Amino acid sequence: MTKSLKDHKRAFLDYLGEIRGYSDATLKTYDEALSQMLAYGEIEAIKEGYAINLMPLRLHIAPLKAKTIAKKLSAIRSFATYLKKRGIHVTLRGDESIKVPKTLPKPVPHMHIMEAVAHADLKPKLVVLMLYALGLRISELSSLRLEQISQSWVRVMGKGRKEREVPLLPLVRDLIQEYQERYTPKQFLFESRGDRLSENSLRYMVTKLFKDSALKVTPHQLRHAFATELLAHHARINDVSELLGHASMATTQIYTKLGSVLKMEHYLKAHPLCKDSSETSASH
């Protein structure tokens, strides 16, 4: 083998970024996991490839949350698969999966979103409404080009360079037009010095806008709100799945579980028997 594992790692990250279209944040996660593998894993070069014992790495990252550990192991497995497809055999030891508790997404109520944008400046207002009204990932919004926006639809380039079309509401379309007249972007909807505005810059605008309303909100929560509101108002789950750009319907199913949780909360707050029951318990 002429390349070292470090060289293969760089090629793998280039592949994820240039061919698969992974976001900067995801590439950073993969880079960190693979760098830790190279630093702490026991790597042995064998005739047909590599044998990698991950147990020393597992011990090093043991204090981290289960979800974080699972993500790191998943990145390493993806790297091993990438190498195998290129004729380099990789044997992983100590890569057993760990159970990660499933957490439901936490959408932001529609009322809170509209209150936050009511008196916001044009740019952060448009950022928030693009995420909420179109269900975009922050990486998709950062890379959104003007040519992808028409009068009624937005053509979104999602994960793995998978394209989808999302309807453009008149309210958002009018805001885009006002924004273009004021800021005159040339290539990307949100630009800085001729290049696309970074995901971090967009994320900061969102968190700051909601912080001013005493709320802690992330861009991904706005995407969750998009999905939850559609399903709560009887949109078909397969349509919502397509609008979100999910590769599998199973990913979208989590929002139906969220709907059940919210229904239970609303029921417990609204039904008079629930109130009577809590008052009786308190009196005892």
C-alpha atoms as a PDB file:
ATOM      1  CA  MET A   1       0.000   0.000   0.000  1.00  0.00           C
ATOM      2  CA  THR A   2       1.429   3.321  -1.071  1.00  0.00           C
ATOM      3  CA  LYS A   3      -0.918   5.523   0.978  1.00  0.00           C
ATOM      4  CA  SER A   4      -0.937   5.805   4.765  1.00  0.00           C
ATOM      5  CA  LEU A   5      -4.172   5.756   6.767  1.00  0.00           C
ATOM      6  CA  LYS A   6      -3.830   9.526   7.188  1.00  0.00           C
ATOM      7  CA  ASP A   7      -3.779   9.902   3.406  1.00  0.00           C
ATOM      8  CA  HIS A   8      -6.821   7.651   3.118  1.00  0.00           C
ATOM      9  CA  LYS A   9      -8.558   9.738   5.770  1.00  0.00           C
ATOM     10  CA  ARG A  10      -8.008  12.940   3.775  1.00  0.00           C
ATOM     11  CA  ALA A  11      -9.275  11.252   0.603  1.00  0.00           C
ATOM     12  CA  PHE A  12     -12.330   9.981   2.480  1.00  0.00           C
ATOM     13  CA  LEU A  13     -13.190  13.436   3.815  1.00  0.00           C
ATOM     14  CA  ASP A  14     -12.770  14.914   0.332  1.00  0.00           C
ATOM     15  CA  TYR A  15     -15.120  12.224  -0.984  1.00  0.00           C
ATOM     16  CA  LEU A  16     -17.746  13.023   1.662  1.00  0.00           C
ATOM     17  CA  GLY A  17     -17.547  16.742   0.975  1.00  0.00           C
ATOM     18  CA  GLU A  18     -17.222  16.825  -2.811  1.00  0.00           C
ATOM     19  CA  ILE A  19     -19.147  13.712  -3.892  1.00  0.00           C
ATOM     20  CA  ARG A  20     -21.620  13.068  -1.078  1.00  0.00           C
ATOM     21  CA  GLY A  21     -22.219  16.752  -0.313  1.00  0.00           C
ATOM     22  CA  TYR A  22     -21.804  16.480   3.466  1.00  0.00           C
ATOM     23  CA  SER A  23     -21.968  19.735   5.439  1.00  0.00           C
ATOM     24  CA  ASP A  24     -18.939  21.373   7.072  1.00  0.00           C
ATOM     25  CA  ALA A  25     -20.265  20.449  10.514  1.00  0.00           C
ATOM     26  CA  THR A  26     -20.615  16.769   9.574  1.00  0.00           C
ATOM     27  CA  LEU A  27     -17.151  16.704   8.008  1.00  0.00           C
ATOM     28  CA  LYS A  28     -15.739  18.158  11.215  1.00  0.00           C
ATOM     29  CA  THR A  29     -17.419  15.365  13.214  1.00  0.00           C
ATOM     30  CA  TYR A  30     -15.963  12.687  10.902  1.00  0.00           C
ATOM     31  CA  ASP A  31     -12.527  14.297  10.955  1.00  0.00           C
ATOM     32  CA  GLU A  32     -12.467  14.379  14.746  1.00  0.00           C
ATOM     33  CA  ALA A  33     -13.583  10.742  15.078  1.00  0.00           C
ATOM     34  CA  LEU A  34     -11.007   9.481  12.592  1.00  0.00           C
ATOM     35  CA  SER A  35      -8.216  11.577  14.128  1.00  0.00           C
ATOM     36  CA  GLN A  36      -9.036  10.021  17.512  1.00  0.00           C
ATOM     37  CA  MET A  37      -8.998   6.574  15.916  1.00  0.00           C
ATOM     38  CA  LEU A  38      -5.533   7.242  14.523  1.00  0.00           C
ATOM     39  CA  ALA A  39      -4.330   8.605  17.881  1.00  0.00           C
ATOM     40  CA  TYR A  40      -5.757   5.996  20.237  1.00  0.00           C
ATOM     41  CA  GLY A  41      -6.595   2.898  18.173  1.00  0.00           C
ATOM     42  CA  GLU A  42      -4.148   0.021  17.954  1.00  0.00           C
ATOM     43  CA  ILE A  43      -3.465  -0.131  14.218  1.00  0.00           C
ATOM     44  CA  GLU A  44      -1.644  -3.015  12.623  1.00  0.00           C
ATOM     45  CA  ALA A  45      -0.740  -3.065   8.936  1.00  0.00           C
ATOM     46  CA  ILE A  46      -1.452  -6.500   7.505  1.00  0.00           C
ATOM     47  CA  LYS A  47      -0.909  -7.884   4.037  1.00  0.00           C
ATOM     48  CA  GLU A  48      -4.321  -7.029   2.628  1.00  0.00           C
ATOM     49  CA  GLY A  49      -5.014  -3.897   4.675  1.00  0.00           C
ATOM     50  CA  TYR A  50      -5.349  -2.980   8.342  1.00  0.00           C
ATOM     51  CA  ALA A  51      -6.437  -4.520  11.620  1.00  0.00           C
ATOM     52  CA  ILE A  52      -7.662  -1.840  14.035  1.00  0.00           C
ATOM     53  CA  ASN A  53      -8.418  -2.461  17.690  1.00  0.00           C
ATOM     54  CA  LEU A  54     -10.759   0.287  18.914  1.00  0.00           C
ATOM     55  CA  MET A  55     -10.827  -0.697  22.580  1.00  0.00           C
ATOM     56  CA  PRO A  56      -8.164   1.867  23.634  1.00  0.00           C
ATOM     57  CA  LEU A  57     -10.219   4.519  21.854  1.00  0.00           C
ATOM     58  CA  ARG A  58     -13.400   3.279  23.547  1.00  0.00           C
ATOM     59  CA  LEU A  59     -11.727   3.671  26.932  1.00  0.00           C
ATOM     60  CA  HIS A  60     -10.599   7.200  26.033  1.00  0.00           C
ATOM     61  CA  ILE A  61     -14.077   8.373  24.949  1.00  0.00           C
ATOM     62  CA  ALA A  62     -15.995   6.399  27.594  1.00  0.00           C
ATOM     63  CA  PRO A  63     -16.930   9.536  29.625  1.00  0.00           C
ATOM     64  CA  LEU A  64     -18.784  10.995  26.626  1.00  0.00           C
ATOM     65  CA  LYS A  65     -22.526  10.649  26.068  1.00  0.00           C
ATOM     66  CA  ALA A  66     -23.725   7.419  24.453  1.00  0.00           C
ATOM     67  CA  LYS A  67     -25.018   9.312  21.419  1.00  0.00           C
ATOM     68  CA  THR A  68     -21.618  10.961  20.855  1.00  0.00           C
ATOM     69  CA  ILE A  69     -19.761   7.644  21.141  1.00  0.00           C
ATOM     70  CA  ALA A  70     -22.198   6.022  18.711  1.00  0.00           C
ATOM     71  CA  LYS A  71     -21.600   8.820  16.172  1.00  0.00           C
ATOM     72  CA  LYS A  72     -17.839   8.393  16.399  1.00  0.00           C
ATOM     73  CA  LEU A  73     -18.046   4.620  15.908  1.00  0.00           C
ATOM     74  CA  SER A  74     -20.431   5.102  12.993  1.00  0.00           C
ATOM     75  CA  ALA A  75     -17.946   7.473  11.308  1.00  0.00           C
ATOM     76  CA  ILE A  76     -15.148   4.919  11.734  1.00  0.00           C
ATOM     77  CA  ARG A  77     -17.308   2.133  10.279  1.00  0.00           C
ATOM     78  CA  SER A  78     -18.134   4.338   7.291  1.00  0.00           C
ATOM     79  CA  PHE A  79     -14.411   4.922   6.761  1.00  0.00           C
ATOM     80  CA  ALA A  80     -13.759   1.157   6.896  1.00  0.00           C
ATOM     81  CA  THR A  81     -16.540   0.554   4.339  1.00  0.00           C
ATOM     82  CA  TYR A  82     -15.056   3.251   2.086  1.00  0.00           C
ATOM     83  CA  LEU A  83     -11.644   1.535   2.198  1.00  0.00           C
ATOM     84  CA  LYS A  84     -13.094  -1.927   1.557  1.00  0.00           C
ATOM     85  CA  LYS A  85     -14.841  -0.661  -1.585  1.00  0.00           C
ATOM     86  CA  ARG A  86     -11.413   0.444  -2.788  1.00  0.00           C
ATOM     87  CA  GLY A  87      -9.850  -2.960  -2.233  1.00  0.00           C
ATOM     88  CA  ILE A  88      -8.311  -2.248   1.167  1.00  0.00           C
ATOM     89  CA  HIS A  89      -9.490  -4.754   3.749  1.00  0.00           C
ATOM     90  CA  VAL A  90     -10.118  -3.385   7.242  1.00  0.00           C
ATOM     91  CA  THR A  91     -10.819  -5.473  10.324  1.00  0.00           C
ATOM     92  CA  LEU A  92     -12.331  -3.556  13.253  1.00  0.00           C
ATOM     93  CA  ARG A  93     -12.238  -4.945  16.772  1.00  0.00           C
ATOM     94  CA  GLY A  94     -14.078  -3.378  19.695  1.00  0.00           C
ATOM     95  CA  ASP A  95     -16.589  -1.576  17.486  1.00  0.00           C
ATOM     96  CA  GLU A  96     -19.693  -3.132  19.051  1.00  0.00           C
ATOM     97  CA  SER A  97     -22.702  -0.854  18.925  1.00  0.00           C
ATOM     98  CA  ILE A  98     -24.016   0.769  22.063  1.00  0.00           C
ATOM     99  CA  LYS A  99     -27.650   1.478  22.806  1.00  0.00           C
ATOM    100  CA  VAL A 100     -28.599   5.103  22.358  1.00  0.00           C
ATOM    101  CA  PRO A 101     -31.861   6.269  23.934  1.00  0.00           C
ATOM    102  CA  LYS A 102     -34.166   7.714  21.275  1.00  0.00           C
ATOM    103  CA  THR A 103     -34.942  11.339  21.947  1.00  0.00           C
ATOM    104  CA  LEU A 104     -37.885  13.110  20.397  1.00  0.00           C
ATOM    105  CA  PRO A 105     -37.229  16.376  18.557  1.00  0.00           C
ATOM    106  CA  LYS A 106     -38.301  19.553  20.346  1.00  0.00           C
ATOM    107  CA  PRO A 107     -40.149  21.799  17.906  1.00  0.00           C
ATOM    108  CA  VAL A 108     -40.810  25.456  18.627  1.00  0.00           C
ATOM    109  CA  PRO A 109     -44.504  26.387  18.859  1.00  0.00           C
ATOM    110  CA  HIS A 110     -45.754  28.381  15.870  1.00  0.00           C
ATOM    111  CA  MET A 111     -46.873  31.231  18.130  1.00  0.00           C
ATOM    112  CA  HIS A 112     -43.364  31.674  19.566  1.00  0.00           C
ATOM    113  CA  ILE A 113     -41.805  31.732  16.099  1.00  0.00           C
ATOM    114  CA  MET A 114     -44.189  34.388  14.823  1.00  0.00           C
ATOM    115  CA  GLU A 115     -43.737  36.494  17.960  1.00  0.00           C
ATOM    116  CA  ALA A 116     -39.950  36.346  17.555  1.00  0.00           C
ATOM    117  CA  VAL A 117     -39.968  37.455  13.901  1.00  0.00           C
ATOM    118  CA  ALA A 118     -42.691  40.086  14.318  1.00  0.00           C
ATOM    119  CA  HIS A 119     -40.227  42.897  15.051  1.00  0.00           C
ATOM    120  CA  ALA A 120     -37.016  41.309  13.734  1.00  0.00           C
ATOM    121  CA  ASP A 121     -34.671  42.859  11.189  1.00  0.00           C
ATOM    122  CA  LEU A 122     -35.147  41.691   7.616  1.00  0.00           C
ATOM    123  CA  LYS A 123     -32.151  39.328   7.319  1.00  0.00           C
ATOM    124  CA  PRO A 124     -32.621  37.244  10.522  1.00  0.00           C
ATOM    125  CA  LYS A 125     -36.374  37.243   9.907  1.00  0.00           C
ATOM    126  CA  LEU A 126     -35.858  35.739   6.458  1.00  0.00           C
ATOM    127  CA  VAL A 127     -33.370  33.183   7.804  1.00  0.00           C
ATOM    128  CA  VAL A 128     -35.860  31.967  10.426  1.00  0.00           C
ATOM    129  CA  LEU A 129     -38.794  31.821   8.022  1.00  0.00           C
ATOM    130  CA  MET A 130     -36.782  29.976   5.359  1.00  0.00           C
ATOM    131  CA  LEU A 131     -35.932  27.299   7.937  1.00  0.00           C
ATOM    132  CA  TYR A 132     -39.457  27.116   9.344  1.00  0.00           C
ATOM    133  CA  ALA A 133     -41.525  27.501   6.164  1.00  0.00           C
ATOM    134  CA  LEU A 134     -39.374  25.190   4.010  1.00  0.00           C
ATOM    135  CA  GLY A 135     -38.050  22.759   6.620  1.00  0.00           C
ATOM    136  CA  LEU A 136     -34.446  23.293   5.504  1.00  0.00           C
ATOM    137  CA  ARG A 137     -31.299  22.057   7.183  1.00  0.00           C
ATOM    138  CA  ILE A 138     -28.908  24.886   8.073  1.00  0.00           C
ATOM    139  CA  SER A 139     -26.373  23.487   5.567  1.00  0.00           C
ATOM    140  CA  GLU A 140     -29.009  23.590   2.813  1.00  0.00           C
ATOM    141  CA  LEU A 141     -29.852  27.206   3.566  1.00  0.00           C
ATOM    142  CA  SER A 142     -26.183  28.205   3.628  1.00  0.00           C
ATOM    143  CA  SER A 143     -25.599  26.720   0.165  1.00  0.00           C
ATOM    144  CA  LEU A 144     -28.894  27.902  -1.379  1.00  0.00           C
ATOM    145  CA  ARG A 145     -28.275  29.678  -4.690  1.00  0.00           C
ATOM    146  CA  LEU A 146     -30.549  32.310  -6.215  1.00  0.00           C
ATOM    147  CA  GLU A 147     -31.020  30.139  -9.310  1.00  0.00           C
ATOM    148  CA  GLN A 148     -32.679  27.480  -7.111  1.00  0.00           C
ATOM    149  CA  ILE A 149     -35.490  29.871  -6.145  1.00  0.00           C
ATOM    150  CA  SER A 150     -38.492  30.323  -8.455  1.00  0.00           C
ATOM    151  CA  GLN A 151     -41.833  32.048  -7.935  1.00  0.00           C
ATOM    152  CA  SER A 152     -43.549  29.026  -6.376  1.00  0.00           C
ATOM    153  CA  TRP A 153     -40.831  26.473  -5.574  1.00  0.00           C
ATOM    154  CA  VAL A 154     -37.371  26.170  -4.069  1.00  0.00           C
ATOM    155  CA  ARG A 155     -35.087  23.454  -5.430  1.00  0.00           C
ATOM    156  CA  VAL A 156     -33.072  22.156  -2.495  1.00  0.00           C
ATOM    157  CA  MET A 157     -29.817  20.200  -2.720  1.00  0.00           C
ATOM    158  CA  GLY A 158     -29.921  17.887   0.285  1.00  0.00           C
ATOM    159  CA  LYS A 159     -27.738  15.193   1.800  1.00  0.00           C
ATOM    160  CA  GLY A 160     -25.918  13.036  -0.711  1.00  0.00           C
ATOM    161  CA  ARG A 161     -26.702  15.671  -3.360  1.00  0.00           C
ATOM    162  CA  LYS A 162     -30.297  14.452  -3.411  1.00  0.00           C
ATOM    163  CA  GLU A 163     -32.571  17.119  -4.907  1.00  0.00           C
ATOM    164  CA  ARG A 164     -36.083  17.944  -3.751  1.00  0.00           C
ATOM    165  CA  GLU A 165     -38.569  20.726  -4.412  1.00  0.00           C
ATOM    166  CA  VAL A 166     -40.337  22.565  -1.608  1.00  0.00           C
ATOM    167  CA  PRO A 167     -43.258  24.994  -2.101  1.00  0.00           C
ATOM    168  CA  LEU A 168     -42.457  28.668  -1.555  1.00  0.00           C
ATOM    169  CA  LEU A 169     -45.130  30.527   0.410  1.00  0.00           C
ATOM    170  CA  PRO A 170     -46.107  34.002  -0.909  1.00  0.00           C
ATOM    171  CA  LEU A 171     -45.138  35.516   2.467  1.00  0.00           C
ATOM    172  CA  VAL A 172     -41.597  34.156   2.185  1.00  0.00           C
ATOM    173  CA  ARG A 173     -41.335  34.940  -1.528  1.00  0.00           C
ATOM    174  CA  ASP A 174     -42.196  38.601  -0.834  1.00  0.00           C
ATOM    175  CA  LEU A 175     -39.560  38.709   1.913  1.00  0.00           C
ATOM    176  CA  ILE A 176     -36.956  37.257  -0.467  1.00  0.00           C
ATOM    177  CA  GLN A 177     -37.781  39.937  -3.026  1.00  0.00           C
ATOM    178  CA  GLU A 178     -37.485  42.695  -0.417  1.00  0.00           C
ATOM    179  CA  TYR A 179     -34.213  41.186   0.810  1.00  0.00           C
ATOM    180  CA  GLN A 180     -32.751  41.003  -2.730  1.00  0.00           C
ATOM    181  CA  GLU A 181     -33.642  44.618  -3.399  1.00  0.00           C
ATOM    182  CA  ARG A 182     -31.912  45.718  -0.219  1.00  0.00           C
ATOM    183  CA  TYR A 183     -28.818  43.470  -0.180  1.00  0.00           C
ATOM    184  CA  THR A 184     -28.439  42.583  -3.908  1.00  0.00           C
ATOM    185  CA  PRO A 185     -26.883  39.107  -3.490  1.00  0.00           C
ATOM    186  CA  LYS A 186     -25.181  37.851  -6.649  1.00  0.00           C
ATOM    187  CA  GLN A 187     -24.944  34.050  -6.372  1.00  0.00           C
ATOM    188  CA  PHE A 188     -26.131  32.747  -3.002  1.00  0.00           C
ATOM    189  CA  LEU A 189     -29.215  33.974  -1.164  1.00  0.00           C
ATOM    190  CA  PHE A 190     -27.099  34.731   1.907  1.00  0.00           C
ATOM    191  CA  GLU A 191     -23.624  35.991   1.034  1.00  0.00           C
ATOM    192  CA  SER A 192     -20.554  37.448   2.656  1.00  0.00           C
ATOM    193  CA  ARG A 193     -17.785  38.963   0.545  1.00  0.00           C
ATOM    194  CA  GLY A 194     -18.894  37.138  -2.576  1.00  0.00           C
ATOM    195  CA  ASP A 195     -19.146  33.703  -0.971  1.00  0.00           C
ATOM    196  CA  ARG A 196     -21.965  31.915   0.819  1.00  0.00           C
ATOM    197  CA  LEU A 197     -22.616  32.926   4.408  1.00  0.00           C
ATOM    198  CA  SER A 198     -21.346  30.218   6.745  1.00  0.00           C
ATOM    199  CA  GLU A 199     -23.612  27.867   8.669  1.00  0.00           C
ATOM    200  CA  ASN A 200     -22.267  29.279  11.926  1.00  0.00           C
ATOM    201  CA  SER A 201     -23.186  32.831  10.915  1.00  0.00           C
ATOM    202  CA  LEU A 202     -26.733  31.763  10.057  1.00  0.00           C
ATOM    203  CA  ARG A 203     -26.978  29.728  13.264  1.00  0.00           C
ATOM    204  CA  TYR A 204     -25.866  32.752  15.303  1.00  0.00           C
ATOM    205  CA  MET A 205     -28.616  34.904  13.744  1.00  0.00           C
ATOM    206  CA  VAL A 206     -31.257  32.357  14.716  1.00  0.00           C
ATOM    207  CA  THR A 207     -30.087  31.884  18.298  1.00  0.00           C
ATOM    208  CA  LYS A 208     -29.678  35.643  18.828  1.00  0.00           C
ATOM    209  CA  LEU A 209     -33.128  36.435  17.464  1.00  0.00           C
ATOM    210  CA  PHE A 210     -34.819  33.978  19.821  1.00  0.00           C
ATOM    211  CA  LYS A 211     -32.546  34.906  22.724  1.00  0.00           C
ATOM    212  CA  ASP A 212     -33.939  38.426  22.450  1.00  0.00           C
ATOM    213  CA  SER A 213     -37.342  36.809  23.096  1.00  0.00           C
ATOM    214  CA  ALA A 214     -35.922  34.858  26.070  1.00  0.00           C
ATOM    215  CA  LEU A 215     -36.037  31.572  24.148  1.00  0.00           C
ATOM    216  CA  LYS A 216     -33.301  29.056  23.379  1.00  0.00           C
ATOM    217  CA  VAL A 217     -33.891  27.841  19.815  1.00  0.00           C
ATOM    218  CA  THR A 218     -31.648  26.097  17.269  1.00  0.00           C
ATOM    219  CA  PRO A 219     -32.099  26.059  13.476  1.00  0.00           C
ATOM    220  CA  HIS A 220     -32.870  22.327  13.568  1.00  0.00           C
ATOM    221  CA  GLN A 221     -35.758  22.940  15.968  1.00  0.00           C
ATOM    222  CA  LEU A 222     -37.337  25.108  13.265  1.00  0.00           C
ATOM    223  CA  ARG A 223     -37.066  22.169  10.855  1.00  0.00           C
ATOM    224  CA  HIS A 224     -38.731  20.003  13.517  1.00  0.00           C
ATOM    225  CA  ALA A 225     -41.478  22.616  13.860  1.00  0.00           C
ATOM    226  CA  PHE A 226     -42.053  22.514  10.088  1.00  0.00           C
ATOM    227  CA  ALA A 227     -42.574  18.731  10.167  1.00  0.00           C
ATOM    228  CA  THR A 228     -44.631  18.687  13.342  1.00  0.00           C
ATOM    229  CA  GLU A 229     -47.027  21.419  12.177  1.00  0.00           C
ATOM    230  CA  LEU A 230     -47.615  19.687   8.833  1.00  0.00           C
ATOM    231  CA  LEU A 231     -48.356  16.320  10.446  1.00  0.00           C
ATOM    232  CA  ALA A 232     -50.517  17.917  13.148  1.00  0.00           C
ATOM    233  CA  HIS A 233     -52.644  19.442  10.381  1.00  0.00           C
ATOM    234  CA  HIS A 234     -53.093  16.107   8.591  1.00  0.00           C
ATOM    235  CA  ALA A 235     -50.413  16.284   5.891  1.00  0.00           C
ATOM    236  CA  ARG A 236     -49.533  12.808   4.542  1.00  0.00           C
ATOM    237  CA  ILE A 237     -46.415  11.405   6.155  1.00  0.00           C
ATOM    238  CA  ASN A 238     -44.881  10.355   2.819  1.00  0.00           C
ATOM    239  CA  ASP A 239     -45.304  13.941   1.529  1.00  0.00           C
ATOM    240  CA  VAL A 240     -43.649  15.333   4.674  1.00  0.00           C
ATOM    241  CA  SER A 241     -40.838  12.804   4.289  1.00  0.00           C
ATOM    242  CA  GLU A 242     -40.195  14.019   0.723  1.00  0.00           C
ATOM    243  CA  LEU A 243     -40.330  17.678   1.735  1.00  0.00           C
ATOM    244  CA  LEU A 244     -37.762  17.037   4.479  1.00  0.00           C
ATOM    245  CA  GLY A 245     -35.491  15.079   2.143  1.00  0.00           C
ATOM    246  CA  HIS A 246     -35.448  12.017   4.391  1.00  0.00           C
ATOM    247  CA  ALA A 247     -33.847   8.959   2.831  1.00  0.00           C
ATOM    248  CA  SER A 248     -36.183   6.688   4.800  1.00  0.00           C
ATOM    249  CA  MET A 249     -39.777   7.035   5.960  1.00  0.00           C
ATOM    250  CA  ALA A 250     -38.651   5.605   9.303  1.00  0.00           C
ATOM    251  CA  THR A 251     -36.828   8.883  10.030  1.00  0.00           C
ATOM    252  CA  THR A 252     -40.070  10.811   9.582  1.00  0.00           C
ATOM    253  CA  GLN A 253     -42.007   8.403  11.817  1.00  0.00           C
ATOM    254  CA  ILE A 254     -40.438   9.982  14.913  1.00  0.00           C
ATOM    255  CA  TYR A 255     -42.614  13.056  14.364  1.00  0.00           C
ATOM    256  CA  THR A 256     -45.763  10.950  14.636  1.00  0.00           C
ATOM    257  CA  LYS A 257     -44.522   9.769  18.056  1.00  0.00           C
ATOM    258  CA  LEU A 258     -43.965  13.393  18.999  1.00  0.00           C
ATOM    259  CA  GLY A 259     -47.540  14.134  17.991  1.00  0.00           C
ATOM    260  CA  SER A 260     -48.773  11.460  20.400  1.00  0.00           C
ATOM    261  CA  VAL A 261     -46.719  12.960  23.245  1.00  0.00           C
ATOM    262  CA  LEU A 262     -48.106  16.441  22.568  1.00  0.00           C
ATOM    263  CA  LYS A 263     -51.668  15.094  22.381  1.00  0.00           C
ATOM    264  CA  MET A 264     -51.231  13.483  25.787  1.00  0.00           C
ATOM    265  CA  GLU A 265     -49.859  16.720  27.275  1.00  0.00           C
ATOM    266  CA  HIS A 266     -52.756  18.720  25.842  1.00  0.00           C
ATOM    267  CA  TYR A 267     -55.229  16.110  27.067  1.00  0.00           C
ATOM    268  CA  LEU A 268     -53.868  16.185  30.604  1.00  0.00           C
ATOM    269  CA  LYS A 269     -54.078  19.977  30.664  1.00  0.00           C
ATOM    270  CA  ALA A 270     -57.526  20.206  29.100  1.00  0.00           C
ATOM    271  CA  HIS A 271     -59.704  17.362  30.388  1.00  0.00           C
ATOM    272  CA  PRO A 272     -61.656  18.278  33.565  1.00  0.00           C
ATOM    273  CA  LEU A 273     -61.254  14.773  35.020  1.00  0.00           C
ATOM    274  CA  CYS A 274     -57.469  15.198  34.873  1.00  0.00           C
ATOM    275  CA  LYS A 275     -57.777  18.447  36.807  1.00  0.00           C
ATOM    276  CA  ASP A 276     -60.090  16.840  39.353  1.00  0.00           C
ATOM    277  CA  SER A 277     -57.672  13.966  39.756  1.00  0.00           C
ATOM    278  CA  SER A 278     -54.679  16.241  40.420  1.00  0.00           C
ATOM    279  CA  GLU A 279     -56.657  18.339  42.902  1.00  0.00           C
ATOM    280  CA  THR A 280     -57.796  15.221  44.748  1.00  0.00           C
ATOM    281  CA  SER A 281     -54.222  13.954  44.950  1.00  0.00           C
ATOM    282  CA  ALA A 282     -53.044  17.305  46.290  1.00  0.00           C
ATOM    283  CA  SER A 283     -55.703  17.326  49.018  1.00  0.00           C
ATOM    284  CA  HIS A 284     -54.501  13.929  50.274  1.00  0.00           C
END
